[in-house]
Amino acid sequence: ETAKQLEIAGVFSVVIEAVPEKLASEISQKISIPTIGIGASANCDGQVSVIDDLIGLNQEFKPKFVTNYENIAEKIAVAVNNFSCDVKSKKFLFSNNIL
């Protein structure tokens, strides 16, 4: 009902988040504007995901419908640790060209 009201109001699409597959399909069939799913099944016209979820940036929060394609959080931690070690050991020095 809400999706239909939004369509009548003139929106160009609706985002459907974390709804069961059957409901996503029903909404997509009952409105003529595109439905964009975020954890709402392949029955939507398109898909979207939060980049932080895709790349595994937040390890504490992970919605059940998220697929991590990478573990960037781990790589960031390694990079920050390496930088910290270089600074503490004075291996990291600013170039005169930067200043």
C-alpha atoms as a PDB file:
ATOM      1  CA  GLU A   1       0.000   0.000   0.000  1.00  0.00           C
ATOM      2  CA  THR A   2       2.781   2.430   0.914  1.00  0.00           C
ATOM      3  CA  ALA A   3       4.703   1.686  -2.292  1.00  0.00           C
ATOM      4  CA  LYS A   4       1.553   2.335  -4.345  1.00  0.00           C
ATOM      5  CA  GLN A   5       0.998   5.648  -2.529  1.00  0.00           C
ATOM      6  CA  LEU A   6       4.584   6.655  -3.222  1.00  0.00           C
ATOM      7  CA  GLU A   7       4.134   5.810  -6.900  1.00  0.00           C
ATOM      8  CA  ILE A   8       0.996   7.961  -7.058  1.00  0.00           C
ATOM      9  CA  ALA A   9       2.887  10.775  -5.320  1.00  0.00           C
ATOM     10  CA  GLY A  10       5.408  10.739  -8.190  1.00  0.00           C
ATOM     11  CA  VAL A  11       8.528   9.028  -6.889  1.00  0.00           C
ATOM     12  CA  PHE A  12      10.753   7.492  -9.569  1.00  0.00           C
ATOM     13  CA  SER A  13      11.573   4.315  -7.594  1.00  0.00           C
ATOM     14  CA  VAL A  14      11.339   2.726  -4.164  1.00  0.00           C
ATOM     15  CA  VAL A  15      13.977   1.037  -2.040  1.00  0.00           C
ATOM     16  CA  ILE A  16      12.847  -2.144  -0.316  1.00  0.00           C
ATOM     17  CA  GLU A  17      15.072  -3.222   2.560  1.00  0.00           C
ATOM     18  CA  ALA A  18      15.180  -6.579   4.357  1.00  0.00           C
ATOM     19  CA  VAL A  19      11.723  -7.825   3.422  1.00  0.00           C
ATOM     20  CA  PRO A  20      10.830 -11.437   2.618  1.00  0.00           C
ATOM     21  CA  GLU A  21      11.180 -12.608  -0.973  1.00  0.00           C
ATOM     22  CA  LYS A  22       7.440 -13.080  -1.467  1.00  0.00           C
ATOM     23  CA  LEU A  23       6.639  -9.539  -0.306  1.00  0.00           C
ATOM     24  CA  ALA A  24       9.387  -8.015  -2.463  1.00  0.00           C
ATOM     25  CA  SER A  25       7.949  -9.863  -5.450  1.00  0.00           C
ATOM     26  CA  GLU A  26       4.413  -8.701  -4.669  1.00  0.00           C
ATOM     27  CA  ILE A  27       5.478  -5.058  -4.335  1.00  0.00           C
ATOM     28  CA  SER A  28       7.489  -5.213  -7.572  1.00  0.00           C
ATOM     29  CA  GLN A  29       4.516  -6.650  -9.461  1.00  0.00           C
ATOM     30  CA  LYS A  30       1.976  -4.143  -8.128  1.00  0.00           C
ATOM     31  CA  ILE A  31       3.787  -0.936  -9.007  1.00  0.00           C
ATOM     32  CA  SER A  32       5.123   0.252 -12.346  1.00  0.00           C
ATOM     33  CA  ILE A  33       8.175   2.117 -11.015  1.00  0.00           C
ATOM     34  CA  PRO A  34      11.441   0.277 -10.316  1.00  0.00           C
ATOM     35  CA  THR A  35      12.003  -1.430  -6.984  1.00  0.00           C
ATOM     36  CA  ILE A  36      15.530  -1.438  -5.627  1.00  0.00           C
ATOM     37  CA  GLY A  37      16.336  -4.154  -3.124  1.00  0.00           C
ATOM     38  CA  ILE A  38      18.745  -4.035  -0.248  1.00  0.00           C
ATOM     39  CA  GLY A  39      18.518  -7.506   1.217  1.00  0.00           C
ATOM     40  CA  ALA A  40      15.073  -7.933  -0.321  1.00  0.00           C
ATOM     41  CA  SER A  41      15.657 -10.766  -2.815  1.00  0.00           C
ATOM     42  CA  ALA A  42      16.302 -10.960  -6.536  1.00  0.00           C
ATOM     43  CA  ASN A  43      12.629 -10.186  -7.222  1.00  0.00           C
ATOM     44  CA  CYS A  44      13.388  -6.457  -7.181  1.00  0.00           C
ATOM     45  CA  ASP A  45      14.237  -4.578 -10.363  1.00  0.00           C
ATOM     46  CA  GLY A  46      17.676  -3.622  -9.079  1.00  0.00           C
ATOM     47  CA  GLN A  47      20.019  -4.140  -6.148  1.00  0.00           C
ATOM     48  CA  VAL A  48      22.007  -1.839  -3.900  1.00  0.00           C
ATOM     49  CA  SER A  49      24.321  -2.420  -0.965  1.00  0.00           C
ATOM     50  CA  VAL A  50      26.181  -0.214   1.479  1.00  0.00           C
ATOM     51  CA  ILE A  51      29.840   0.032   0.438  1.00  0.00           C
ATOM     52  CA  ASP A  52      31.028  -0.407   4.037  1.00  0.00           C
ATOM     53  CA  ASP A  53      29.201  -3.756   4.123  1.00  0.00           C
ATOM     54  CA  LEU A  54      30.524  -4.879   0.731  1.00  0.00           C
ATOM     55  CA  ILE A  55      34.132  -4.288   1.689  1.00  0.00           C
ATOM     56  CA  GLY A  56      33.909  -5.508   5.290  1.00  0.00           C
ATOM     57  CA  LEU A  57      34.759  -2.168   6.857  1.00  0.00           C
ATOM     58  CA  ASN A  58      32.635  -2.676   9.986  1.00  0.00           C
ATOM     59  CA  GLN A  59      33.283  -6.028  11.639  1.00  0.00           C
ATOM     60  CA  GLU A  60      30.939  -5.399  14.601  1.00  0.00           C
ATOM     61  CA  PHE A  61      27.737  -4.881  12.578  1.00  0.00           C
ATOM     62  CA  LYS A  62      26.757  -7.206   9.754  1.00  0.00           C
ATOM     63  CA  PRO A  63      23.147  -7.555   8.611  1.00  0.00           C
ATOM     64  CA  LYS A  64      22.271 -11.176   7.834  1.00  0.00           C
ATOM     65  CA  PHE A  65      21.691 -10.405   4.153  1.00  0.00           C
ATOM     66  CA  VAL A  66      25.128  -8.825   3.605  1.00  0.00           C
ATOM     67  CA  THR A  67      27.863 -10.503   1.593  1.00  0.00           C
ATOM     68  CA  ASN A  68      31.372  -9.261   2.317  1.00  0.00           C
ATOM     69  CA  TYR A  69      33.496  -9.305  -0.822  1.00  0.00           C
ATOM     70  CA  GLU A  70      36.621  -8.155   0.986  1.00  0.00           C
ATOM     71  CA  ASN A  71      37.941  -7.626   4.520  1.00  0.00           C
ATOM     72  CA  ILE A  72      39.138  -4.041   4.326  1.00  0.00           C
ATOM     73  CA  ALA A  73      38.948  -3.579   8.111  1.00  0.00           C
ATOM     74  CA  GLU A  74      41.769  -6.085   8.537  1.00  0.00           C
ATOM     75  CA  LYS A  75      43.859  -4.449   5.814  1.00  0.00           C
ATOM     76  CA  ILE A  76      43.334  -0.995   7.363  1.00  0.00           C
ATOM     77  CA  ALA A  77      44.411  -2.300  10.772  1.00  0.00           C
ATOM     78  CA  VAL A  78      47.600  -3.768   9.259  1.00  0.00           C
ATOM     79  CA  ALA A  79      48.370  -0.535   7.390  1.00  0.00           C
ATOM     80  CA  VAL A  80      47.824   1.655  10.476  1.00  0.00           C
ATOM     81  CA  ASN A  81      49.945  -0.666  12.599  1.00  0.00           C
ATOM     82  CA  ASN A  82      52.750  -0.618  10.001  1.00  0.00           C
ATOM     83  CA  PHE A  83      52.612   3.195   9.846  1.00  0.00           C
ATOM     84  CA  SER A  84      52.692   3.416  13.648  1.00  0.00           C
ATOM     85  CA  CYS A  85      55.719   1.112  13.833  1.00  0.00           C
ATOM     86  CA  ASP A  86      57.536   3.137  11.149  1.00  0.00           C
ATOM     87  CA  VAL A  87      56.863   6.412  12.976  1.00  0.00           C
ATOM     88  CA  LYS A  88      57.997   4.997  16.340  1.00  0.00           C
ATOM     89  CA  SER A  89      61.189   3.577  14.798  1.00  0.00           C
ATOM     90  CA  LYS A  90      61.766   6.821  12.857  1.00  0.00           C
ATOM     91  CA  LYS A  91      61.693   4.904   9.551  1.00  0.00           C
ATOM     92  CA  PHE A  92      58.846   7.171   8.383  1.00  0.00           C
ATOM     93  CA  LEU A  93      60.148  10.627   7.569  1.00  0.00           C
ATOM     94  CA  PHE A  94      58.469  13.362   5.603  1.00  0.00           C
ATOM     95  CA  SER A  95      60.186  14.223   2.349  1.00  0.00           C
ATOM     96  CA  ASN A  96      61.449  17.771   1.964  1.00  0.00           C
ATOM     97  CA  ASN A  97      59.532  17.870  -1.301  1.00  0.00           C
ATOM     98  CA  ILE A  98      56.237  17.705   0.619  1.00  0.00           C
ATOM     99  CA  LEU A  99      56.994  20.578   3.005  1.00  0.00           C
END
